[in-house]
Amino acid sequence: MALFLVPTLWYGLIILKNPVPKSEAGAAGIDFGTMLKEFAAPMLLFLLFLHACVGYVELGTDSWIAKITESFLTGQGLILFVYASSIMFVLRFFAGPIVERINPLGLLCASSVLGVIGLYTLGSVESAAMIWLAVTIYGLGKTFLWPTMLGVVGERFPKGGALTMGAVGGIGMLSAGLLGGPGIGYTQDKYASANLEEKAPATFERYVADGENSFLFFPKVRGLSGSKVAALLEHQGGKWAPGATLERDYSILSKEDRASAGLKALYEWWQSAKLYRDEDKEPVHTATIFGSRMALKWTAAVPATMFVGYLLLVIFFATRGGYTAVEIDAAGVAHESSRHPTAEDAFEDGESGPSSGQA
């Protein structure tokens, strides 16, 4: 774990030996009060809303994608996650040649469309080849969203400096944790439990969670217990091994009198539930897959909303002669640039954004 200190010290030495350039706002002498006034602009508030959607669909989905795809392709969930992240890494590394001729808002529109297609397809297909294709489309779609959004905010609101840039990144991360993860989990719970209750009521009663799950203003639902489902559907060495880990852990810890109350309760539940394991396996597995697919399909509504928002911005700027950046002169006065920036400009302003691993 201490190996992370090596690059940390390396980066520290690099920074100590090099001067840190001032931001455009800092060089122009923009004060903190002026930076705050940028948040009164309706367009900036709209961009913050759109970036909250980006955080939901990118980092929020990333926190679930391995678990969800694992229910489709056993043993490949983590591989698919790494694959999608690798696509993002490679394309961002070679971003210049890819996006140098595309308007940033056009790039955001196209990325949103790919996000919709990727997520909805991933929630609809069954074959392994189509799942890999859907993950590829999803990876392509999310690659340029975060950095291009930062670039657009930096170009349109240079007076905001680090304050507006930090707000955009912050709201994206908050959305991922407070909305993306819980929202996708809620949707999965809702549809999985409803499917199981309809198809196998007795099995539902055995595997339903003790508490309720809620999200924003939506009705509370009783989802399936993750620990119970994991015990039933456990595989070891490519073979179905229901309750193997649970029974092993309880056997070891109970002998040492270290079994927690939760582990004891789960073990006691399994002693009765395992009598029906052959009967319960198929409906629980089917319900889990159904819930996962529906969660992905509903999540596709988020990039669809983003597309509408980006399209409105495209139309807005089209009525004003096209998208342009705002520049600050030596006196600290902002004015529209005569040059129409490309997506590469916005991308360079936004840098690479967060990696999927930060979710």
Protein backbone atom coordinates (compact mmCIF):
# COMPACT_ATOMS: atom_id res chain seq x y z
CA MET A 1 0.00 0.00 0.00
CA ALA A 2 2.90 2.34 0.72
CA LEU A 3 3.96 2.20 -2.94
CA PHE A 4 1.66 5.14 -3.63
CA LEU A 5 4.20 7.31 -1.79
CA VAL A 6 6.69 6.81 -4.63
CA PRO A 7 4.74 8.76 -7.30
CA THR A 8 3.57 11.19 -4.62
CA LEU A 9 7.16 12.15 -3.80
CA TRP A 10 8.00 12.22 -7.50
CA TYR A 11 5.19 14.64 -8.27
CA GLY A 12 6.22 16.74 -5.27
CA LEU A 13 9.77 17.09 -6.59
CA ILE A 14 8.46 18.04 -10.05
CA ILE A 15 6.26 20.80 -8.57
CA LEU A 16 9.01 22.16 -6.33
CA LYS A 17 11.33 22.64 -9.30
CA ASN A 18 8.78 24.31 -11.58
CA PRO A 19 6.82 27.56 -11.29
CA VAL A 20 3.05 27.17 -11.24
CA PRO A 21 1.51 29.53 -13.81
CA LYS A 22 -1.37 31.78 -12.83
CA SER A 23 -4.81 31.09 -14.22
CA GLU A 24 -6.30 33.49 -16.73
CA ALA A 25 -8.43 35.03 -13.98
CA GLY A 26 -5.47 35.29 -11.62
CA ALA A 27 -3.27 36.93 -14.25
CA ALA A 28 -6.01 39.50 -14.92
CA GLY A 29 -6.34 40.32 -11.23
CA ILE A 30 -9.91 39.04 -10.89
CA ASP A 31 -10.95 39.12 -7.22
CA PHE A 32 -12.95 36.51 -5.33
CA GLY A 33 -16.16 38.55 -5.39
CA THR A 34 -16.06 38.77 -9.18
CA MET A 35 -15.55 35.02 -9.37
CA LEU A 36 -18.64 34.48 -7.23
CA LYS A 37 -20.74 36.71 -9.48
CA GLU A 38 -20.22 34.25 -12.32
CA PHE A 39 -22.62 31.87 -10.54
CA ALA A 40 -25.45 34.31 -11.22
CA ALA A 41 -25.22 33.46 -14.94
CA PRO A 42 -28.11 31.16 -15.99
CA MET A 43 -25.87 29.35 -18.48
CA LEU A 44 -23.35 28.41 -15.80
CA LEU A 45 -26.13 27.04 -13.60
CA PHE A 46 -27.40 25.07 -16.59
CA LEU A 47 -23.90 23.69 -17.22
CA LEU A 48 -23.65 22.69 -13.56
CA PHE A 49 -26.91 20.75 -13.93
CA LEU A 50 -25.60 19.02 -17.05
CA HIS A 51 -22.36 18.12 -15.32
CA ALA A 52 -24.29 16.64 -12.42
CA CYS A 53 -25.84 14.38 -15.06
CA VAL A 54 -22.35 13.57 -16.35
CA GLY A 55 -21.28 12.54 -12.85
CA TYR A 56 -24.39 10.37 -12.52
CA VAL A 57 -23.94 8.55 -15.82
CA GLU A 58 -20.14 8.23 -15.76
CA LEU A 59 -18.95 7.71 -12.20
CA GLY A 60 -22.31 6.58 -10.81
CA THR A 61 -22.61 3.89 -13.46
CA ASP A 62 -18.95 2.93 -13.06
CA SER A 63 -19.58 2.13 -9.40
CA TRP A 64 -22.19 -0.45 -10.48
CA ILE A 65 -21.07 -1.61 -13.93
CA ALA A 66 -18.89 -4.51 -12.73
CA LYS A 67 -21.61 -5.89 -10.46
CA ILE A 68 -24.35 -5.47 -13.06
CA THR A 69 -22.43 -7.03 -15.96
CA GLU A 70 -21.30 -9.84 -13.66
CA SER A 71 -24.95 -10.92 -13.47
CA PHE A 72 -24.95 -11.24 -17.29
CA LEU A 73 -21.52 -12.79 -17.81
CA THR A 74 -20.29 -14.63 -14.74
CA GLY A 75 -16.62 -13.99 -14.13
CA GLN A 76 -16.34 -11.13 -16.64
CA GLY A 77 -17.82 -8.17 -14.73
CA LEU A 78 -14.49 -6.76 -13.58
CA ILE A 79 -12.91 -7.46 -16.96
CA LEU A 80 -15.64 -5.47 -18.71
CA PHE A 81 -15.14 -2.59 -16.27
CA VAL A 82 -11.39 -2.53 -16.92
CA TYR A 83 -12.06 -2.73 -20.67
CA ALA A 84 -14.40 0.29 -20.62
CA SER A 85 -11.89 2.24 -18.52
CA SER A 86 -9.08 1.30 -20.91
CA ILE A 87 -11.06 2.69 -23.84
CA MET A 88 -11.44 5.96 -21.97
CA PHE A 89 -7.75 6.08 -21.05
CA VAL A 90 -6.51 5.42 -24.58
CA LEU A 91 -8.87 7.85 -26.33
CA ARG A 92 -8.14 10.65 -23.86
CA PHE A 93 -4.42 10.09 -24.29
CA PHE A 94 -4.75 10.53 -28.06
CA ALA A 95 -7.51 13.13 -27.85
CA GLY A 96 -5.96 15.76 -30.12
CA PRO A 97 -6.13 13.95 -33.48
CA ILE A 98 -9.61 12.62 -32.66
CA VAL A 99 -11.43 15.81 -31.71
CA GLU A 100 -9.39 18.64 -33.26
CA ARG A 101 -12.04 19.42 -35.89
CA ILE A 102 -15.17 18.96 -33.79
CA ASN A 103 -17.01 21.75 -32.00
CA PRO A 104 -17.07 20.99 -28.24
CA LEU A 105 -20.86 21.16 -28.01
CA GLY A 106 -21.18 18.87 -31.02
CA LEU A 107 -18.79 16.45 -29.34
CA LEU A 108 -20.90 16.51 -26.17
CA CYS A 109 -24.06 15.84 -28.20
CA ALA A 110 -22.44 12.89 -29.96
CA SER A 111 -21.04 11.50 -26.71
CA SER A 112 -24.48 11.68 -25.10
CA VAL A 113 -26.05 9.76 -27.98
CA LEU A 114 -23.40 7.04 -27.68
CA GLY A 115 -24.05 6.90 -23.94
CA VAL A 116 -27.77 6.36 -24.52
CA ILE A 117 -27.15 3.66 -27.12
CA GLY A 118 -24.51 1.90 -25.03
CA LEU A 119 -26.48 1.79 -21.78
CA TYR A 120 -29.82 0.87 -23.36
CA THR A 121 -28.21 -1.83 -25.51
CA LEU A 122 -26.36 -3.21 -22.50
CA GLY A 123 -29.68 -3.52 -20.72
CA SER A 124 -31.34 -5.26 -23.67
CA VAL A 125 -28.95 -7.79 -25.24
CA GLU A 126 -28.10 -11.28 -24.01
CA SER A 127 -25.25 -12.65 -26.10
CA ALA A 128 -21.68 -12.16 -24.89
CA ALA A 129 -20.60 -10.54 -28.17
CA MET A 130 -23.40 -7.94 -28.00
CA ILE A 131 -22.63 -7.18 -24.35
CA TRP A 132 -19.00 -6.49 -25.24
CA LEU A 133 -20.16 -4.29 -28.12
CA ALA A 134 -22.53 -2.39 -25.84
CA VAL A 135 -19.76 -1.79 -23.29
CA THR A 136 -17.54 -0.54 -26.13
CA ILE A 137 -20.19 1.99 -27.20
CA TYR A 138 -20.71 3.04 -23.58
CA GLY A 139 -16.96 3.51 -23.12
CA LEU A 140 -16.74 5.62 -26.27
CA GLY A 141 -19.68 7.73 -25.13
CA LYS A 142 -18.39 8.60 -21.68
CA THR A 143 -14.77 9.26 -22.70
CA PHE A 144 -14.99 12.95 -23.60
CA LEU A 145 -17.92 14.12 -21.46
CA TRP A 146 -16.13 15.17 -18.27
CA PRO A 147 -13.05 16.94 -19.71
CA THR A 148 -14.99 18.69 -22.47
CA MET A 149 -17.51 20.02 -19.94
CA LEU A 150 -14.68 21.45 -17.86
CA GLY A 151 -13.24 22.99 -21.01
CA VAL A 152 -16.54 24.62 -22.00
CA VAL A 153 -16.97 26.13 -18.53
CA GLY A 154 -13.37 27.37 -18.58
CA GLU A 155 -13.86 28.97 -22.02
CA ARG A 156 -17.23 30.56 -21.35
CA PHE A 157 -16.60 31.71 -17.77
CA PRO A 158 -12.89 32.54 -17.49
CA LYS A 159 -13.58 35.09 -14.75
CA GLY A 160 -14.67 32.28 -12.49
CA GLY A 161 -11.14 30.89 -12.44
CA ALA A 162 -10.52 27.94 -10.15
CA LEU A 163 -13.81 28.58 -8.35
CA THR A 164 -16.09 27.70 -11.26
CA MET A 165 -13.84 24.86 -12.39
CA GLY A 166 -13.80 23.41 -8.89
CA ALA A 167 -17.58 23.76 -8.62
CA VAL A 168 -18.11 21.83 -11.85
CA GLY A 169 -15.80 19.00 -10.82
CA GLY A 170 -17.26 18.98 -7.31
CA ILE A 171 -20.88 18.77 -8.40
CA GLY A 172 -20.00 15.91 -10.74
CA MET A 173 -18.39 13.92 -7.93
CA LEU A 174 -21.23 14.71 -5.50
CA SER A 175 -23.80 13.65 -8.06
CA ALA A 176 -22.01 10.34 -8.59
CA GLY A 177 -22.02 9.55 -4.87
CA LEU A 178 -25.36 11.05 -3.79
CA LEU A 179 -27.43 10.36 -6.91
CA GLY A 180 -25.73 7.97 -9.34
CA GLY A 181 -24.89 5.06 -7.06
CA PRO A 182 -28.07 5.23 -4.93
CA GLY A 183 -30.31 5.87 -7.95
CA ILE A 184 -29.04 2.89 -9.93
CA GLY A 185 -29.20 0.69 -6.84
CA TYR A 186 -32.77 1.79 -6.13
CA THR A 187 -33.88 1.02 -9.68
CA GLN A 188 -32.24 -2.38 -9.58
CA ASP A 189 -33.91 -3.18 -6.24
CA LYS A 190 -37.31 -2.06 -7.47
CA TYR A 191 -37.43 -4.20 -10.59
CA ALA A 192 -35.61 -7.25 -9.22
CA SER A 193 -37.88 -7.55 -6.18
CA ALA A 194 -41.03 -6.89 -8.21
CA ASN A 195 -40.04 -9.58 -10.70
CA LEU A 196 -39.28 -12.15 -8.01
CA GLU A 197 -42.42 -11.37 -6.01
CA GLU A 198 -44.54 -11.86 -9.12
CA LYS A 199 -42.86 -15.05 -10.39
CA ALA A 200 -42.01 -16.78 -7.09
CA PRO A 201 -43.71 -15.26 -4.01
CA ALA A 202 -42.33 -17.85 -1.59
CA THR A 203 -38.78 -17.32 -2.83
CA PHE A 204 -39.28 -13.56 -2.58
CA GLU A 205 -40.16 -13.85 1.10
CA ARG A 206 -36.96 -15.81 1.72
CA TYR A 207 -34.68 -13.35 -0.06
CA VAL A 208 -36.27 -9.96 0.49
CA ALA A 209 -34.20 -7.47 2.51
CA ASP A 210 -35.23 -6.59 6.04
CA GLY A 211 -35.22 -2.84 5.44
CA GLU A 212 -36.54 -0.56 2.72
CA ASN A 213 -34.60 1.34 0.08
CA SER A 214 -35.48 4.90 -0.88
CA PHE A 215 -34.26 7.44 -3.42
CA LEU A 216 -35.24 11.11 -3.54
CA PHE A 217 -39.04 11.45 -3.71
CA PHE A 218 -39.72 8.00 -5.18
CA PRO A 219 -41.74 5.42 -3.19
CA LYS A 220 -39.78 3.16 -0.87
CA VAL A 221 -39.14 -0.38 -2.06
CA ARG A 222 -38.07 -3.61 -0.42
CA GLY A 223 -35.20 -4.92 -2.47
CA LEU A 224 -33.51 -8.28 -2.32
CA SER A 225 -30.88 -8.88 0.36
CA GLY A 226 -27.46 -8.70 -1.27
CA SER A 227 -25.86 -11.06 1.26
CA LYS A 228 -28.62 -13.64 0.87
CA VAL A 229 -28.55 -13.51 -2.93
CA ALA A 230 -24.74 -13.75 -2.89
CA ALA A 231 -24.91 -16.86 -0.72
CA LEU A 232 -27.40 -18.56 -3.04
CA LEU A 233 -25.70 -17.66 -6.33
CA GLU A 234 -22.09 -18.16 -5.21
CA HIS A 235 -19.73 -19.86 -7.64
CA GLN A 236 -16.30 -21.30 -6.91
CA GLY A 237 -14.00 -22.67 -9.56
CA GLY A 238 -16.69 -22.17 -12.19
CA LYS A 239 -19.17 -24.35 -10.29
CA TRP A 240 -22.26 -23.43 -8.32
CA ALA A 241 -21.37 -23.53 -4.61
CA PRO A 242 -24.32 -22.09 -2.68
CA GLY A 243 -23.45 -20.87 0.82
CA ALA A 244 -19.89 -22.21 0.70
CA THR A 245 -18.18 -19.03 1.89
CA LEU A 246 -20.86 -18.32 4.48
CA GLU A 247 -20.60 -21.76 6.05
CA ARG A 248 -16.81 -21.68 5.99
CA ASP A 249 -16.62 -18.25 7.63
CA TYR A 250 -19.16 -19.15 10.28
CA SER A 251 -17.40 -22.41 11.05
CA ILE A 252 -14.06 -20.67 11.59
CA LEU A 253 -15.32 -17.62 13.50
CA SER A 254 -17.80 -19.47 15.69
CA LYS A 255 -15.06 -21.77 16.97
CA GLU A 256 -13.12 -18.67 18.01
CA ASP A 257 -16.26 -17.03 19.40
CA ARG A 258 -15.79 -14.13 16.97
CA ALA A 259 -18.90 -14.53 14.80
CA SER A 260 -20.85 -11.28 14.65
CA ALA A 261 -24.58 -11.07 15.29
CA GLY A 262 -25.15 -10.36 11.60
CA LEU A 263 -23.16 -13.42 10.54
CA LYS A 264 -25.03 -15.60 13.03
CA ALA A 265 -28.39 -14.35 11.75
CA LEU A 266 -27.37 -14.95 8.15
CA TYR A 267 -26.10 -18.44 8.95
CA GLU A 268 -29.31 -19.34 10.77
CA TRP A 269 -31.35 -18.07 7.84
CA TRP A 270 -29.29 -20.17 5.43
CA GLN A 271 -29.91 -23.36 7.39
CA SER A 272 -33.59 -23.17 6.44
CA ALA A 273 -33.22 -21.41 3.08
CA LYS A 274 -30.73 -23.92 1.67
CA LEU A 275 -33.42 -26.58 1.71
CA TYR A 276 -35.02 -24.70 -1.19
CA ARG A 277 -31.81 -23.70 -2.98
CA ASP A 278 -32.53 -25.73 -6.13
CA GLU A 279 -36.01 -24.25 -6.31
CA ASP A 280 -34.84 -20.68 -5.58
CA LYS A 281 -31.75 -20.46 -7.78
CA GLU A 282 -33.38 -19.83 -11.15
CA PRO A 283 -36.02 -17.25 -10.11
CA VAL A 284 -33.50 -15.29 -7.99
CA HIS A 285 -30.94 -15.31 -10.79
CA THR A 286 -33.56 -14.25 -13.34
CA ALA A 287 -34.85 -11.47 -11.09
CA THR A 288 -31.32 -10.18 -10.48
CA ILE A 289 -30.62 -10.02 -14.21
CA PHE A 290 -33.96 -8.35 -14.89
CA GLY A 291 -33.31 -5.71 -12.23
CA SER A 292 -29.82 -5.06 -13.61
CA ARG A 293 -31.09 -4.66 -17.16
CA MET A 294 -33.87 -2.30 -16.13
CA ALA A 295 -31.43 -0.21 -14.08
CA LEU A 296 -29.24 0.27 -17.17
CA LYS A 297 -32.22 1.10 -19.38
CA TRP A 298 -33.48 3.75 -16.98
CA THR A 299 -29.98 5.15 -16.54
CA ALA A 300 -29.93 5.72 -20.31
CA ALA A 301 -32.50 8.47 -19.67
CA VAL A 302 -29.75 10.57 -18.06
CA PRO A 303 -27.53 10.92 -21.18
CA ALA A 304 -30.76 11.42 -23.17
CA THR A 305 -31.50 14.41 -20.94
CA MET A 306 -27.94 15.61 -21.45
CA PHE A 307 -28.35 15.41 -25.22
CA VAL A 308 -31.42 17.64 -25.07
CA GLY A 309 -29.49 20.12 -22.91
CA TYR A 310 -26.47 20.19 -25.21
CA LEU A 311 -28.72 20.53 -28.26
CA LEU A 312 -30.38 23.57 -26.69
CA LEU A 313 -26.93 25.10 -26.21
CA VAL A 314 -26.04 24.34 -29.83
CA ILE A 315 -29.23 26.10 -30.99
CA PHE A 316 -28.58 29.02 -28.64
CA PHE A 317 -25.08 29.63 -29.96
CA ALA A 318 -26.20 29.06 -33.55
CA THR A 319 -28.50 32.08 -33.20
CA ARG A 320 -25.44 34.10 -32.17
CA GLY A 321 -23.16 33.02 -34.99
CA GLY A 322 -21.71 29.89 -33.39
CA TYR A 323 -19.93 28.81 -30.25
CA THR A 324 -17.05 31.05 -29.17
CA ALA A 325 -14.80 31.31 -26.14
CA VAL A 326 -14.75 34.29 -23.79
CA GLU A 327 -11.37 35.94 -23.26
CA ILE A 328 -10.13 38.36 -20.59
CA ASP A 329 -7.97 41.28 -21.67
CA ALA A 330 -5.18 42.87 -19.63
CA ALA A 331 -7.69 45.19 -17.94
CA GLY A 332 -9.75 42.25 -16.73
CA VAL A 333 -12.62 42.88 -19.17
CA ALA A 334 -14.25 39.82 -20.73
CA HIS A 335 -15.19 39.77 -24.40
CA GLU A 336 -16.21 37.22 -27.01
CA SER A 337 -13.33 35.77 -28.98
CA SER A 338 -13.40 36.19 -32.75
CA ARG A 339 -12.11 32.63 -33.11
CA HIS A 340 -14.43 29.62 -32.93
CA PRO A 341 -12.64 27.05 -30.72
CA THR A 342 -12.56 23.37 -31.53
CA ALA A 343 -13.25 20.53 -29.16
CA GLU A 344 -9.49 20.09 -28.79
CA ASP A 345 -9.26 23.54 -27.21
CA ALA A 346 -12.00 22.72 -24.74
CA PHE A 347 -10.48 19.32 -24.06
CA GLU A 348 -7.07 20.86 -23.30
CA ASP A 349 -8.72 23.31 -20.90
CA GLY A 350 -10.52 20.45 -19.16
CA GLU A 351 -7.54 18.10 -19.08
CA SER A 352 -8.41 14.43 -18.67
CA GLY A 353 -11.06 14.55 -15.95
CA PRO A 354 -11.40 11.82 -13.34
CA SER A 355 -10.53 8.24 -14.09
CA SER A 356 -13.15 5.58 -13.60
CA GLY A 357 -11.18 4.26 -10.68
CA GLN A 358 -12.02 7.39 -8.68
CA ALA A 359 -15.68 6.42 -8.55
